[in-house]
Amino acid sequence: MAYVNIASTTVGSGGASTVTFSSIPQIYRDLEIIINGRSNVSGYVDTMTCQFNGSGSMTLNIAYALHNNNNSNSISTGTVSSTNNVGWSIGNTGHNSNIFGFTKLYFTNYSNTNIPTHLWSKTQDCTNLAQSSNNIYIGNVTGYTSANTAITQLTLGFASSSWMQYTDISLYGIG
């Protein structure tokens, strides 16, 4: 099985509101995005969004779970229709500047126009481990697209914040 780096980017000085991968080749079976990054939100975690093909017309129907070990082992779960939430990223409150979170997004059959594209996302953020709060966030999202349309462009961002400098995002083609 081929695993090919299609594109990679590192967010520069001043951050970026979004990161876009365009002209995605339609020659692979699946896509994977690996993110080592954080947002500038004033909070511990931030909801990550993904826009498909340059518009909001193709959305995701998702189920999600977010776990925080430092909050009485609480877990948030739910299902959402017509959203573009694909995961979480570490926020900017109370964190050392060198702490980044990890998110992996996996899109199956992204170029097939006969079936919806399915998404699986996993987020792991260990925040403040060197400090007293020791928060660990683990999140999962699963879902499928609202249309049987090939994905040719992906734009990653946040509902109300931006990617911070040194965030690394890579797009891979698989199969």
N, C-alpha and C. Protein backbone atom coordinates (compact mmCIF):
# COMPACT_ATOMS: atom_id res chain seq x y z
N MET A 1 0.84 -1.17 0.00
CA MET A 1 0.00 0.00 0.00
C MET A 1 0.89 1.23 0.00
N ALA A 2 0.67 2.13 -0.94
CA ALA A 2 1.44 3.37 -1.04
C ALA A 2 0.99 4.36 0.03
N TYR A 3 1.95 5.07 0.59
CA TYR A 3 1.71 6.12 1.58
C TYR A 3 2.56 7.29 1.13
N VAL A 4 1.95 8.29 0.47
CA VAL A 4 2.68 9.34 -0.22
C VAL A 4 2.35 10.71 0.39
N ASN A 5 3.39 11.47 0.70
CA ASN A 5 3.19 12.84 1.17
C ASN A 5 2.79 13.70 -0.02
N ILE A 6 1.54 14.20 0.02
CA ILE A 6 1.03 15.06 -1.05
C ILE A 6 1.48 16.50 -0.82
N ALA A 7 1.37 16.96 0.44
CA ALA A 7 1.75 18.33 0.77
C ALA A 7 1.96 18.46 2.27
N SER A 8 2.82 19.40 2.66
CA SER A 8 3.07 19.70 4.07
C SER A 8 3.24 21.20 4.22
N THR A 9 2.88 21.70 5.40
CA THR A 9 3.06 23.12 5.67
C THR A 9 3.38 23.32 7.14
N THR A 10 4.16 24.36 7.42
CA THR A 10 4.43 24.81 8.78
C THR A 10 3.95 26.24 8.87
N VAL A 11 3.10 26.53 9.84
CA VAL A 11 2.54 27.87 10.00
C VAL A 11 3.64 28.83 10.44
N GLY A 12 3.71 29.94 9.76
CA GLY A 12 4.76 30.92 10.02
C GLY A 12 4.40 31.94 11.09
N SER A 13 5.26 32.93 11.22
CA SER A 13 5.10 34.00 12.20
C SER A 13 3.75 34.69 12.03
N GLY A 14 3.08 34.93 13.12
CA GLY A 14 1.78 35.58 13.10
C GLY A 14 0.61 34.62 13.00
N GLY A 15 0.89 33.33 12.75
CA GLY A 15 -0.17 32.33 12.69
C GLY A 15 -0.91 32.35 11.36
N ALA A 16 -1.99 31.58 11.28
CA ALA A 16 -2.81 31.50 10.08
C ALA A 16 -4.23 31.15 10.48
N SER A 17 -5.20 31.84 9.90
CA SER A 17 -6.60 31.55 10.24
C SER A 17 -7.02 30.18 9.71
N THR A 18 -6.50 29.80 8.55
CA THR A 18 -6.79 28.49 7.97
C THR A 18 -5.55 27.95 7.26
N VAL A 19 -5.56 26.66 7.01
CA VAL A 19 -4.56 26.01 6.16
C VAL A 19 -5.35 25.23 5.11
N THR A 20 -5.03 25.46 3.84
CA THR A 20 -5.77 24.83 2.75
C THR A 20 -4.85 23.94 1.92
N PHE A 21 -5.36 22.75 1.63
CA PHE A 21 -4.73 21.85 0.67
C PHE A 21 -5.66 21.82 -0.54
N SER A 22 -5.19 22.32 -1.69
CA SER A 22 -6.03 22.37 -2.88
C SER A 22 -5.45 21.48 -3.97
N SER A 23 -6.22 21.28 -5.01
CA SER A 23 -5.83 20.42 -6.14
C SER A 23 -5.36 19.05 -5.66
N ILE A 24 -6.13 18.46 -4.74
CA ILE A 24 -5.78 17.13 -4.21
C ILE A 24 -5.94 16.11 -5.33
N PRO A 25 -4.87 15.37 -5.66
CA PRO A 25 -4.97 14.38 -6.74
C PRO A 25 -5.98 13.30 -6.40
N GLN A 26 -6.68 12.82 -7.40
CA GLN A 26 -7.74 11.82 -7.22
C GLN A 26 -7.25 10.40 -7.50
N ILE A 27 -5.98 10.13 -7.22
CA ILE A 27 -5.39 8.84 -7.58
C ILE A 27 -5.22 7.89 -6.39
N TYR A 28 -5.57 8.33 -5.20
CA TYR A 28 -5.42 7.48 -4.01
C TYR A 28 -6.78 7.00 -3.53
N ARG A 29 -6.79 5.98 -2.70
CA ARG A 29 -8.03 5.49 -2.12
C ARG A 29 -8.46 6.36 -0.93
N ASP A 30 -7.51 6.66 -0.05
CA ASP A 30 -7.81 7.39 1.19
C ASP A 30 -6.84 8.56 1.37
N LEU A 31 -7.22 9.47 2.26
CA LEU A 31 -6.36 10.59 2.65
C LEU A 31 -6.14 10.55 4.15
N GLU A 32 -4.95 10.98 4.57
CA GLU A 32 -4.66 11.12 6.00
C GLU A 32 -4.00 12.47 6.22
N ILE A 33 -4.43 13.17 7.27
CA ILE A 33 -3.82 14.44 7.65
C ILE A 33 -3.26 14.27 9.06
N ILE A 34 -2.00 14.63 9.23
CA ILE A 34 -1.34 14.59 10.53
C ILE A 34 -1.06 16.03 10.96
N ILE A 35 -1.52 16.38 12.17
CA ILE A 35 -1.36 17.75 12.68
C ILE A 35 -0.63 17.70 14.00
N ASN A 36 0.44 18.47 14.11
CA ASN A 36 1.13 18.72 15.36
C ASN A 36 1.03 20.21 15.57
N GLY A 37 0.05 20.64 16.38
CA GLY A 37 -0.19 22.08 16.44
C GLY A 37 -1.02 22.53 17.62
N ARG A 38 -1.34 23.81 17.57
CA ARG A 38 -2.17 24.43 18.59
C ARG A 38 -2.82 25.68 18.03
N SER A 39 -3.89 26.10 18.71
CA SER A 39 -4.60 27.31 18.30
C SER A 39 -4.33 28.42 19.31
N ASN A 40 -4.76 29.63 18.96
CA ASN A 40 -4.57 30.76 19.87
C ASN A 40 -5.84 31.07 20.67
N VAL A 41 -6.74 30.10 20.82
CA VAL A 41 -7.96 30.30 21.59
C VAL A 41 -7.60 30.54 23.06
N SER A 42 -8.41 31.32 23.73
CA SER A 42 -8.23 31.54 25.17
C SER A 42 -8.95 30.44 25.92
N GLY A 43 -8.39 29.26 25.91
CA GLY A 43 -8.97 28.11 26.56
C GLY A 43 -8.03 26.94 26.43
N TYR A 44 -8.41 25.82 27.02
CA TYR A 44 -7.53 24.65 26.99
C TYR A 44 -7.60 23.87 25.69
N VAL A 45 -8.79 23.74 25.10
CA VAL A 45 -8.93 23.06 23.81
C VAL A 45 -9.84 23.88 22.91
N ASP A 46 -9.71 23.66 21.62
CA ASP A 46 -10.48 24.39 20.63
C ASP A 46 -11.03 23.41 19.60
N THR A 47 -12.23 23.64 19.11
CA THR A 47 -12.85 22.77 18.11
C THR A 47 -12.29 23.08 16.73
N MET A 48 -11.77 22.05 16.08
CA MET A 48 -11.19 22.17 14.75
C MET A 48 -12.28 21.95 13.70
N THR A 49 -12.20 22.72 12.61
CA THR A 49 -13.18 22.59 11.54
C THR A 49 -12.49 22.23 10.22
N CYS A 50 -13.28 21.68 9.31
CA CYS A 50 -12.78 21.34 7.99
C CYS A 50 -13.83 21.72 6.97
N GLN A 51 -13.42 22.50 5.98
CA GLN A 51 -14.31 22.86 4.88
C GLN A 51 -13.88 22.07 3.65
N PHE A 52 -14.86 21.53 2.93
CA PHE A 52 -14.60 20.69 1.78
C PHE A 52 -14.82 21.44 0.48
N ASN A 53 -13.88 21.32 -0.44
CA ASN A 53 -14.01 21.85 -1.80
C ASN A 53 -14.34 23.33 -1.86
N GLY A 54 -13.84 24.10 -0.92
CA GLY A 54 -13.96 25.55 -0.96
C GLY A 54 -15.31 26.13 -0.61
N SER A 55 -16.24 25.30 -0.10
CA SER A 55 -17.55 25.84 0.28
C SER A 55 -18.07 25.08 1.49
N GLY A 56 -19.11 25.59 2.09
CA GLY A 56 -19.73 24.94 3.23
C GLY A 56 -20.87 24.02 2.85
N SER A 57 -21.05 23.75 1.56
CA SER A 57 -22.21 22.98 1.13
C SER A 57 -22.08 21.49 1.45
N MET A 58 -20.86 20.96 1.54
CA MET A 58 -20.68 19.56 1.91
C MET A 58 -20.27 19.52 3.38
N THR A 59 -21.09 18.92 4.21
CA THR A 59 -20.84 18.89 5.64
C THR A 59 -20.70 17.46 6.12
N LEU A 60 -20.47 17.30 7.42
CA LEU A 60 -20.31 15.99 8.04
C LEU A 60 -21.45 15.69 8.99
N ASN A 61 -21.86 14.44 9.04
CA ASN A 61 -22.75 13.94 10.09
C ASN A 61 -21.83 13.14 11.01
N ILE A 62 -21.70 13.56 12.28
CA ILE A 62 -20.66 12.99 13.13
C ILE A 62 -21.20 12.49 14.47
N ALA A 63 -20.41 11.63 15.08
CA ALA A 63 -20.54 11.26 16.49
C ALA A 63 -19.18 11.58 17.11
N TYR A 64 -19.14 12.05 18.34
CA TYR A 64 -17.87 12.44 18.92
C TYR A 64 -17.81 12.08 20.40
N ALA A 65 -16.59 12.05 20.92
CA ALA A 65 -16.35 11.85 22.35
C ALA A 65 -15.10 12.63 22.71
N LEU A 66 -15.15 13.41 23.78
CA LEU A 66 -14.00 14.16 24.28
C LEU A 66 -13.85 13.86 25.76
N HIS A 67 -12.69 13.39 26.16
CA HIS A 67 -12.43 12.99 27.53
C HIS A 67 -11.36 13.89 28.13
N ASN A 68 -11.58 14.34 29.37
CA ASN A 68 -10.60 15.14 30.11
C ASN A 68 -10.35 14.44 31.44
N ASN A 69 -9.14 13.94 31.65
CA ASN A 69 -8.84 13.18 32.86
C ASN A 69 -8.87 14.01 34.14
N ASN A 70 -8.75 15.32 34.04
CA ASN A 70 -8.66 16.16 35.23
C ASN A 70 -10.00 16.75 35.63
N ASN A 71 -11.07 16.25 35.04
CA ASN A 71 -12.41 16.78 35.34
C ASN A 71 -13.30 15.62 35.76
N SER A 72 -12.91 14.93 36.83
CA SER A 72 -13.67 13.80 37.36
C SER A 72 -13.93 12.74 36.29
N ASN A 73 -12.95 12.54 35.41
CA ASN A 73 -13.08 11.58 34.32
C ASN A 73 -14.32 11.82 33.47
N SER A 74 -14.65 13.09 33.27
CA SER A 74 -15.84 13.42 32.47
C SER A 74 -15.62 13.08 31.01
N ILE A 75 -16.71 12.88 30.34
CA ILE A 75 -16.67 12.64 28.90
C ILE A 75 -17.86 13.34 28.27
N SER A 76 -17.61 14.01 27.16
CA SER A 76 -18.68 14.65 26.40
C SER A 76 -18.89 13.82 25.15
N THR A 77 -20.13 13.49 24.87
CA THR A 77 -20.44 12.73 23.67
C THR A 77 -21.63 13.35 22.97
N GLY A 78 -21.82 13.02 21.74
CA GLY A 78 -22.99 13.51 21.04
C GLY A 78 -22.94 13.16 19.57
N THR A 79 -24.01 13.48 18.90
CA THR A 79 -24.08 13.35 17.45
C THR A 79 -24.54 14.68 16.89
N VAL A 80 -24.01 15.04 15.74
CA VAL A 80 -24.33 16.32 15.14
C VAL A 80 -24.51 16.11 13.64
N SER A 81 -25.56 16.68 13.09
CA SER A 81 -25.74 16.67 11.64
C SER A 81 -25.32 18.02 11.09
N SER A 82 -24.83 18.02 9.90
CA SER A 82 -24.50 19.26 9.18
C SER A 82 -23.50 20.12 9.93
N THR A 83 -22.38 19.53 10.27
CA THR A 83 -21.31 20.28 10.91
C THR A 83 -20.01 19.99 10.20
N ASN A 84 -19.01 20.77 10.45
CA ASN A 84 -17.69 20.51 9.91
C ASN A 84 -16.66 20.35 11.02
N ASN A 85 -17.11 20.01 12.23
CA ASN A 85 -16.19 19.79 13.33
C ASN A 85 -15.50 18.45 13.15
N VAL A 86 -14.17 18.46 13.14
CA VAL A 86 -13.41 17.23 12.86
C VAL A 86 -12.46 16.84 13.99
N GLY A 87 -12.38 17.61 15.05
CA GLY A 87 -11.46 17.27 16.13
C GLY A 87 -11.21 18.46 17.02
N TRP A 88 -10.15 18.37 17.80
CA TRP A 88 -9.81 19.44 18.74
C TRP A 88 -8.33 19.73 18.65
N SER A 89 -7.95 20.91 19.11
CA SER A 89 -6.53 21.26 19.19
C SER A 89 -6.29 21.94 20.52
N ILE A 90 -5.08 21.82 20.99
CA ILE A 90 -4.69 22.46 22.23
C ILE A 90 -4.86 23.98 22.11
N GLY A 91 -5.34 24.60 23.15
CA GLY A 91 -5.51 26.04 23.16
C GLY A 91 -4.30 26.75 23.71
N ASN A 92 -4.44 28.03 24.00
CA ASN A 92 -3.30 28.86 24.37
C ASN A 92 -3.31 29.28 25.83
N THR A 93 -4.27 28.84 26.63
CA THR A 93 -4.37 29.28 28.01
C THR A 93 -3.50 28.42 28.92
N GLY A 94 -2.57 29.06 29.61
CA GLY A 94 -1.79 28.39 30.64
C GLY A 94 -0.85 27.32 30.15
N HIS A 95 -0.50 27.29 28.88
CA HIS A 95 0.39 26.26 28.36
C HIS A 95 1.77 26.83 28.10
N ASN A 96 2.76 26.01 28.25
CA ASN A 96 4.09 26.40 27.82
C ASN A 96 4.08 26.55 26.31
N SER A 97 4.89 27.46 25.79
CA SER A 97 4.86 27.76 24.36
C SER A 97 5.34 26.60 23.49
N ASN A 98 6.00 25.62 24.08
CA ASN A 98 6.51 24.50 23.29
C ASN A 98 5.60 23.27 23.34
N ILE A 99 4.40 23.39 23.88
CA ILE A 99 3.48 22.25 23.97
C ILE A 99 2.48 22.32 22.82
N PHE A 100 2.43 21.24 22.03
CA PHE A 100 1.53 21.14 20.90
C PHE A 100 0.72 19.86 21.02
N GLY A 101 -0.47 19.86 20.45
CA GLY A 101 -1.31 18.68 20.44
C GLY A 101 -1.15 17.91 19.15
N PHE A 102 -1.67 16.68 19.13
CA PHE A 102 -1.58 15.81 17.96
C PHE A 102 -2.99 15.43 17.51
N THR A 103 -3.25 15.59 16.23
CA THR A 103 -4.53 15.15 15.65
C THR A 103 -4.25 14.40 14.35
N LYS A 104 -4.98 13.31 14.17
CA LYS A 104 -4.90 12.53 12.93
C LYS A 104 -6.30 12.46 12.34
N LEU A 105 -6.44 12.87 11.08
CA LEU A 105 -7.70 12.80 10.35
C LEU A 105 -7.53 11.78 9.24
N TYR A 106 -8.50 10.89 9.08
CA TYR A 106 -8.44 9.86 8.04
C TYR A 106 -9.73 9.89 7.25
N PHE A 107 -9.63 10.10 5.94
CA PHE A 107 -10.78 10.16 5.04
C PHE A 107 -10.74 8.95 4.11
N THR A 108 -11.79 8.11 4.13
CA THR A 108 -11.84 6.94 3.26
C THR A 108 -12.56 7.26 1.96
N ASN A 109 -12.13 6.64 0.88
CA ASN A 109 -12.82 6.74 -0.42
C ASN A 109 -13.12 8.19 -0.82
N TYR A 110 -12.16 9.07 -0.61
CA TYR A 110 -12.38 10.51 -0.82
C TYR A 110 -12.64 10.88 -2.28
N SER A 111 -12.23 10.04 -3.21
CA SER A 111 -12.41 10.38 -4.63
C SER A 111 -13.59 9.63 -5.27
N ASN A 112 -14.26 8.78 -4.51
CA ASN A 112 -15.38 7.99 -5.02
C ASN A 112 -16.66 8.83 -4.98
N THR A 113 -17.32 9.00 -6.11
CA THR A 113 -18.55 9.80 -6.17
C THR A 113 -19.81 8.96 -6.02
N ASN A 114 -19.65 7.67 -5.76
CA ASN A 114 -20.81 6.78 -5.60
C ASN A 114 -21.21 6.56 -4.15
N ILE A 115 -20.33 6.88 -3.23
CA ILE A 115 -20.60 6.69 -1.80
C ILE A 115 -20.07 7.89 -1.02
N PRO A 116 -20.60 8.14 0.18
CA PRO A 116 -20.06 9.24 0.99
C PRO A 116 -18.64 8.93 1.47
N THR A 117 -17.86 9.97 1.66
CA THR A 117 -16.55 9.83 2.27
C THR A 117 -16.74 9.71 3.78
N HIS A 118 -16.05 8.76 4.40
CA HIS A 118 -16.12 8.59 5.85
C HIS A 118 -14.88 9.19 6.49
N LEU A 119 -15.05 9.72 7.69
CA LEU A 119 -13.98 10.37 8.44
C LEU A 119 -13.79 9.68 9.78
N TRP A 120 -12.54 9.54 10.17
CA TRP A 120 -12.18 9.13 11.53
C TRP A 120 -11.11 10.10 12.00
N SER A 121 -11.27 10.62 13.20
CA SER A 121 -10.33 11.59 13.74
C SER A 121 -9.98 11.23 15.17
N LYS A 122 -8.71 11.39 15.53
CA LYS A 122 -8.26 11.16 16.90
C LYS A 122 -7.38 12.33 17.31
N THR A 123 -7.66 12.86 18.50
CA THR A 123 -6.90 13.97 19.05
C THR A 123 -6.34 13.56 20.40
N GLN A 124 -5.08 13.87 20.63
CA GLN A 124 -4.47 13.67 21.93
C GLN A 124 -3.73 14.94 22.29
N ASP A 125 -4.12 15.55 23.39
CA ASP A 125 -3.48 16.76 23.88
C ASP A 125 -3.12 16.59 25.34
N CYS A 126 -1.85 16.63 25.64
CA CYS A 126 -1.38 16.60 27.02
C CYS A 126 -0.99 18.01 27.39
N THR A 127 -1.79 18.66 28.19
CA THR A 127 -1.55 20.06 28.51
C THR A 127 -1.11 20.22 29.95
N ASN A 128 -0.24 21.15 30.18
CA ASN A 128 0.20 21.52 31.52
C ASN A 128 0.82 20.37 32.31
N LEU A 129 1.43 19.41 31.66
CA LEU A 129 2.01 18.30 32.40
C LEU A 129 3.14 18.75 33.31
N ALA A 130 3.80 19.84 32.94
CA ALA A 130 4.87 20.37 33.79
C ALA A 130 4.32 21.29 34.87
N GLN A 131 3.02 21.52 34.84
CA GLN A 131 2.39 22.40 35.81
C GLN A 131 1.44 21.58 36.67
N SER A 132 0.66 22.23 37.48
CA SER A 132 -0.15 21.50 38.47
C SER A 132 -1.44 20.91 37.93
N SER A 133 -1.97 21.39 36.82
CA SER A 133 -3.30 20.94 36.41
C SER A 133 -3.29 19.60 35.67
N ASN A 134 -2.21 19.25 34.99
CA ASN A 134 -2.06 17.94 34.35
C ASN A 134 -3.27 17.50 33.53
N ASN A 135 -3.78 18.35 32.68
CA ASN A 135 -4.91 17.99 31.83
C ASN A 135 -4.46 17.11 30.68
N ILE A 136 -5.21 16.05 30.42
CA ILE A 136 -5.00 15.23 29.24
C ILE A 136 -6.34 15.12 28.54
N TYR A 137 -6.39 15.57 27.29
CA TYR A 137 -7.60 15.49 26.49
C TYR A 137 -7.42 14.43 25.42
N ILE A 138 -8.40 13.55 25.28
CA ILE A 138 -8.41 12.57 24.22
C ILE A 138 -9.77 12.66 23.54
N GLY A 139 -9.77 12.86 22.24
CA GLY A 139 -11.02 13.01 21.52
C GLY A 139 -11.08 12.14 20.29
N ASN A 140 -12.27 11.69 19.95
CA ASN A 140 -12.51 10.91 18.74
C ASN A 140 -13.74 11.46 18.02
N VAL A 141 -13.64 11.50 16.71
CA VAL A 141 -14.78 11.89 15.87
C VAL A 141 -14.90 10.84 14.77
N THR A 142 -16.11 10.44 14.48
CA THR A 142 -16.35 9.59 13.33
C THR A 142 -17.58 10.11 12.60
N GLY A 143 -17.60 9.99 11.31
CA GLY A 143 -18.75 10.51 10.56
C GLY A 143 -18.60 10.26 9.08
N TYR A 144 -19.50 10.88 8.33
CA TYR A 144 -19.49 10.74 6.88
C TYR A 144 -20.00 12.03 6.26
N THR A 145 -19.64 12.25 5.00
CA THR A 145 -20.01 13.48 4.31
C THR A 145 -21.47 13.45 3.88
N SER A 146 -22.03 14.63 3.69
CA SER A 146 -23.44 14.77 3.33
C SER A 146 -23.69 14.61 1.84
N ALA A 147 -22.64 14.49 1.04
CA ALA A 147 -22.81 14.38 -0.41
C ALA A 147 -21.81 13.37 -0.96
N ASN A 148 -22.18 12.73 -2.05
CA ASN A 148 -21.28 11.81 -2.74
C ASN A 148 -20.45 12.59 -3.75
N THR A 149 -19.53 13.38 -3.23
CA THR A 149 -18.71 14.26 -4.06
C THR A 149 -17.25 14.00 -3.76
N ALA A 150 -16.43 13.93 -4.78
CA ALA A 150 -14.99 13.76 -4.58
C ALA A 150 -14.42 14.98 -3.85
N ILE A 151 -13.49 14.75 -2.96
CA ILE A 151 -12.85 15.85 -2.22
C ILE A 151 -11.61 16.27 -2.98
N THR A 152 -11.59 17.52 -3.43
CA THR A 152 -10.46 18.07 -4.17
C THR A 152 -9.73 19.16 -3.39
N GLN A 153 -10.35 19.63 -2.30
CA GLN A 153 -9.74 20.68 -1.48
C GLN A 153 -10.20 20.52 -0.04
N LEU A 154 -9.28 20.69 0.91
CA LEU A 154 -9.58 20.67 2.34
C LEU A 154 -9.02 21.92 2.98
N THR A 155 -9.85 22.62 3.77
CA THR A 155 -9.41 23.80 4.50
C THR A 155 -9.63 23.55 5.98
N LEU A 156 -8.55 23.58 6.75
CA LEU A 156 -8.59 23.33 8.19
C LEU A 156 -8.46 24.63 8.95
N GLY A 157 -9.31 24.79 9.97
CA GLY A 157 -9.27 26.00 10.79
C GLY A 157 -10.02 25.77 12.09
N PHE A 158 -10.50 26.85 12.67
CA PHE A 158 -11.25 26.82 13.92
C PHE A 158 -12.44 27.76 13.80
N ALA A 159 -13.42 27.53 14.66
CA ALA A 159 -14.62 28.38 14.64
C ALA A 159 -14.30 29.81 15.04
N SER A 160 -13.37 30.02 16.00
CA SER A 160 -13.15 31.37 16.50
C SER A 160 -11.70 31.68 16.83
N SER A 161 -10.76 30.96 16.25
CA SER A 161 -9.35 31.25 16.53
C SER A 161 -8.51 30.91 15.32
N SER A 162 -7.19 30.86 15.50
CA SER A 162 -6.26 30.62 14.40
C SER A 162 -5.19 29.61 14.79
N TRP A 163 -4.52 29.06 13.78
CA TRP A 163 -3.37 28.21 14.02
C TRP A 163 -2.21 29.06 14.50
N MET A 164 -1.46 28.57 15.47
CA MET A 164 -0.30 29.31 15.96
C MET A 164 0.96 28.92 15.18
N GLN A 165 1.95 29.80 15.25
CA GLN A 165 3.23 29.58 14.60
C GLN A 165 3.81 28.22 15.01
N TYR A 166 4.49 27.58 14.08
CA TYR A 166 5.17 26.28 14.21
C TYR A 166 4.23 25.08 14.15
N THR A 167 2.94 25.29 13.93
CA THR A 167 2.03 24.17 13.71
C THR A 167 2.44 23.49 12.39
N ASP A 168 2.58 22.17 12.44
CA ASP A 168 2.91 21.38 11.25
C ASP A 168 1.69 20.58 10.82
N ILE A 169 1.34 20.65 9.53
CA ILE A 169 0.21 19.90 9.00
C ILE A 169 0.66 19.23 7.70
N SER A 170 0.46 17.91 7.61
CA SER A 170 0.85 17.15 6.43
C SER A 170 -0.33 16.36 5.89
N LEU A 171 -0.45 16.30 4.57
CA LEU A 171 -1.50 15.55 3.87
C LEU A 171 -0.85 14.39 3.13
N TYR A 172 -1.40 13.18 3.34
CA TYR A 172 -0.88 11.97 2.71
C TYR A 172 -1.97 11.30 1.88
N GLY A 173 -1.57 10.71 0.76
CA GLY A 173 -2.42 9.85 -0.03
C GLY A 173 -2.09 8.40 0.28
N ILE A 174 -3.12 7.56 0.39
CA ILE A 174 -2.92 6.15 0.77
C ILE A 174 -3.62 5.26 -0.24
N GLY A 175 -2.92 4.21 -0.67
CA GLY A 175 -3.51 3.22 -1.56
C GLY A 175 -3.29 3.49 -3.01
